[in-house]
């Protein structure tokens, strides 16, 4: 699996700074650490609440073309779930899914800068 090649220790980050966020269009190996730094299960308390949140985020992107009405933790939850899905698949996101991930990361950066 592609994750086994990664050597850095993953740590939870409760309060993000701009330095925690990978550069625009970063590779999956950098984005993976941001995605893994949020314990979405612990935050929401249930898979159902996480799923509802992710659907809200995906719907906003599909309908509105942006994430402006999503909270920082909503965005981090969706990124976490994308990471978990691709970890189970054993391949990083590509093409349209990677473009979506890049937009998620950029939206996270904007939220952090505007705090």
C-alpha atoms as a PDB file:
ATOM      1  CA  UNK A   1       0.000   0.000   0.000  1.00  0.00           C
ATOM      2  CA  UNK A   2       1.296   3.487  -0.837  1.00  0.00           C
ATOM      3  CA  UNK A   3       1.017   4.771   2.751  1.00  0.00           C
ATOM      4  CA  UNK A   4       3.644   2.335   4.042  1.00  0.00           C
ATOM      5  CA  UNK A   5       6.362   4.367   2.291  1.00  0.00           C
ATOM      6  CA  UNK A   6       5.649   7.427   4.390  1.00  0.00           C
ATOM      7  CA  UNK A   7       8.015   7.887   7.291  1.00  0.00           C
ATOM      8  CA  UNK A   8       6.826  11.003   9.128  1.00  0.00           C
ATOM      9  CA  UNK A   9       4.943  10.696  12.385  1.00  0.00           C
ATOM     10  CA  UNK A  10       1.345  11.775  12.102  1.00  0.00           C
ATOM     11  CA  UNK A  11       0.097  13.994  14.885  1.00  0.00           C
ATOM     12  CA  UNK A  12      -3.297  15.449  15.567  1.00  0.00           C
ATOM     13  CA  UNK A  13      -3.499  19.178  15.087  1.00  0.00           C
ATOM     14  CA  UNK A  14      -6.345  20.833  16.984  1.00  0.00           C
ATOM     15  CA  UNK A  15      -5.550  24.376  15.910  1.00  0.00           C
ATOM     16  CA  UNK A  16      -4.224  24.726  12.374  1.00  0.00           C
ATOM     17  CA  UNK A  17      -1.810  27.400  11.302  1.00  0.00           C
ATOM     18  CA  UNK A  18      -1.049  28.267   7.705  1.00  0.00           C
ATOM     19  CA  UNK A  19       2.296  26.473   8.149  1.00  0.00           C
ATOM     20  CA  UNK A  20       0.417  23.188   8.704  1.00  0.00           C
ATOM     21  CA  UNK A  21      -1.231  23.394   5.287  1.00  0.00           C
ATOM     22  CA  UNK A  22       0.552  22.043   2.206  1.00  0.00           C
ATOM     23  CA  UNK A  23       1.324  24.422  -0.625  1.00  0.00           C
ATOM     24  CA  UNK A  24      -1.148  24.851  -3.469  1.00  0.00           C
ATOM     25  CA  UNK A  25      -1.288  21.752  -5.704  1.00  0.00           C
ATOM     26  CA  UNK A  26       0.883  19.750  -3.275  1.00  0.00           C
ATOM     27  CA  UNK A  27       1.328  16.050  -3.819  1.00  0.00           C
ATOM     28  CA  UNK A  28      -0.791  13.496  -2.012  1.00  0.00           C
ATOM     29  CA  UNK A  29       2.051  12.566   0.343  1.00  0.00           C
ATOM     30  CA  UNK A  30       1.913  16.109   1.805  1.00  0.00           C
ATOM     31  CA  UNK A  31      -1.876  16.337   1.815  1.00  0.00           C
ATOM     32  CA  UNK A  32      -2.135  12.953   3.535  1.00  0.00           C
ATOM     33  CA  UNK A  33      -0.582  14.388   6.703  1.00  0.00           C
ATOM     34  CA  UNK A  34      -3.005  17.287   6.845  1.00  0.00           C
ATOM     35  CA  UNK A  35      -5.929  14.905   6.318  1.00  0.00           C
ATOM     36  CA  UNK A  36      -4.672  12.554   9.019  1.00  0.00           C
ATOM     37  CA  UNK A  37      -4.095  15.341  11.533  1.00  0.00           C
ATOM     38  CA  UNK A  38      -7.808  15.620  12.337  1.00  0.00           C
ATOM     39  CA  UNK A  39      -9.661  12.961  14.316  1.00  0.00           C
ATOM     40  CA  UNK A  40     -13.043  13.353  12.658  1.00  0.00           C
ATOM     41  CA  UNK A  41     -14.484  10.334  14.507  1.00  0.00           C
ATOM     42  CA  UNK A  42     -13.515  11.877  17.824  1.00  0.00           C
ATOM     43  CA  UNK A  43     -14.834  15.290  16.853  1.00  0.00           C
ATOM     44  CA  UNK A  44     -18.258  14.188  15.565  1.00  0.00           C
ATOM     45  CA  UNK A  45     -18.737  11.151  17.790  1.00  0.00           C
ATOM     46  CA  UNK A  46     -20.323   8.975  15.122  1.00  0.00           C
ATOM     47  CA  UNK A  47     -19.874   7.856  11.555  1.00  0.00           C
ATOM     48  CA  UNK A  48     -23.411   9.042  10.740  1.00  0.00           C
ATOM     49  CA  UNK A  49     -22.638  12.623  11.770  1.00  0.00           C
ATOM     50  CA  UNK A  50     -19.428  12.507   9.761  1.00  0.00           C
ATOM     51  CA  UNK A  51     -21.296  11.240   6.707  1.00  0.00           C
ATOM     52  CA  UNK A  52     -23.912  13.989   6.968  1.00  0.00           C
ATOM     53  CA  UNK A  53     -21.147  16.572   7.197  1.00  0.00           C
ATOM     54  CA  UNK A  54     -19.324  15.138   4.186  1.00  0.00           C
ATOM     55  CA  UNK A  55     -22.508  15.134   2.114  1.00  0.00           C
ATOM     56  CA  UNK A  56     -23.034  18.802   3.014  1.00  0.00           C
ATOM     57  CA  UNK A  57     -19.494  19.646   1.883  1.00  0.00           C
ATOM     58  CA  UNK A  58     -19.752  17.663  -1.364  1.00  0.00           C
ATOM     59  CA  UNK A  59     -23.158  19.156  -2.130  1.00  0.00           C
ATOM     60  CA  UNK A  60     -21.887  22.710  -1.576  1.00  0.00           C
ATOM     61  CA  UNK A  61     -19.040  22.077  -3.989  1.00  0.00           C
ATOM     62  CA  UNK A  62     -21.251  20.437  -6.596  1.00  0.00           C
ATOM     63  CA  UNK A  63     -24.083  22.987  -6.439  1.00  0.00           C
ATOM     64  CA  UNK A  64     -22.262  26.212  -5.563  1.00  0.00           C
ATOM     65  CA  UNK A  65     -18.774  25.432  -6.862  1.00  0.00           C
ATOM     66  CA  UNK A  66     -17.142  26.481  -3.602  1.00  0.00           C
ATOM     67  CA  UNK A  67     -16.944  25.727   0.111  1.00  0.00           C
ATOM     68  CA  UNK A  68     -17.720  29.199   1.486  1.00  0.00           C
ATOM     69  CA  UNK A  69     -20.631  28.035   3.665  1.00  0.00           C
ATOM     70  CA  UNK A  70     -18.709  25.112   5.172  1.00  0.00           C
ATOM     71  CA  UNK A  71     -16.875  25.399   8.465  1.00  0.00           C
ATOM     72  CA  UNK A  72     -13.204  24.604   8.894  1.00  0.00           C
ATOM     73  CA  UNK A  73     -14.066  21.377  10.714  1.00  0.00           C
ATOM     74  CA  UNK A  74     -16.548  20.436   7.973  1.00  0.00           C
ATOM     75  CA  UNK A  75     -13.741  20.763   5.429  1.00  0.00           C
ATOM     76  CA  UNK A  76     -11.269  18.863   7.592  1.00  0.00           C
ATOM     77  CA  UNK A  77     -13.841  16.092   8.036  1.00  0.00           C
ATOM     78  CA  UNK A  78     -14.321  15.716   4.292  1.00  0.00           C
ATOM     79  CA  UNK A  79     -10.561  15.688   3.703  1.00  0.00           C
ATOM     80  CA  UNK A  80     -10.175  13.051   6.417  1.00  0.00           C
ATOM     81  CA  UNK A  81     -12.853  10.871   4.815  1.00  0.00           C
ATOM     82  CA  UNK A  82     -11.268  11.203   1.362  1.00  0.00           C
ATOM     83  CA  UNK A  83      -7.947  10.131   2.873  1.00  0.00           C
ATOM     84  CA  UNK A  84      -9.533   7.133   4.621  1.00  0.00           C
ATOM     85  CA  UNK A  85     -11.295   6.035   1.436  1.00  0.00           C
ATOM     86  CA  UNK A  86      -8.123   6.221  -0.638  1.00  0.00           C
ATOM     87  CA  UNK A  87      -6.097   4.522   2.051  1.00  0.00           C
ATOM     88  CA  UNK A  88      -8.522   1.589   1.921  1.00  0.00           C
ATOM     89  CA  UNK A  89      -8.374   1.584  -1.883  1.00  0.00           C
ATOM     90  CA  UNK A  90      -4.574   1.548  -1.704  1.00  0.00           C
ATOM     91  CA  UNK A  91      -4.148   4.307  -4.276  1.00  0.00           C
ATOM     92  CA  UNK A  92      -3.944   8.084  -3.973  1.00  0.00           C
ATOM     93  CA  UNK A  93      -6.640  10.273  -5.534  1.00  0.00           C
ATOM     94  CA  UNK A  94      -6.072  11.188  -9.166  1.00  0.00           C
ATOM     95  CA  UNK A  95      -7.450  13.501 -11.819  1.00  0.00           C
ATOM     96  CA  UNK A  96     -10.845  14.996 -10.836  1.00  0.00           C
ATOM     97  CA  UNK A  97     -10.667  13.658  -7.280  1.00  0.00           C
ATOM     98  CA  UNK A  98      -7.200  15.146  -6.767  1.00  0.00           C
ATOM     99  CA  UNK A  99      -8.424  18.482  -8.168  1.00  0.00           C
ATOM    100  CA  UNK A 100     -11.282  18.322  -5.630  1.00  0.00           C
ATOM    101  CA  UNK A 101      -8.771  17.603  -2.852  1.00  0.00           C
ATOM    102  CA  UNK A 102      -6.637  20.560  -3.943  1.00  0.00           C
ATOM    103  CA  UNK A 103      -9.726  22.784  -3.769  1.00  0.00           C
ATOM    104  CA  UNK A 104     -10.503  21.424  -0.288  1.00  0.00           C
ATOM    105  CA  UNK A 105      -6.979  22.176   0.911  1.00  0.00           C
ATOM    106  CA  UNK A 106      -7.150  25.688  -0.533  1.00  0.00           C
ATOM    107  CA  UNK A 107     -10.503  26.271   1.195  1.00  0.00           C
ATOM    108  CA  UNK A 108      -8.945  25.102   4.455  1.00  0.00           C
ATOM    109  CA  UNK A 109      -6.087  27.571   3.929  1.00  0.00           C
ATOM    110  CA  UNK A 110      -8.576  30.414   3.372  1.00  0.00           C
ATOM    111  CA  UNK A 111     -10.526  29.513   6.537  1.00  0.00           C
ATOM    112  CA  UNK A 112      -7.318  29.407   8.590  1.00  0.00           C
ATOM    113  CA  UNK A 113      -6.131  32.761   7.226  1.00  0.00           C
ATOM    114  CA  UNK A 114      -9.491  34.371   8.015  1.00  0.00           C
ATOM    115  CA  UNK A 115      -9.672  33.243  11.638  1.00  0.00           C
END
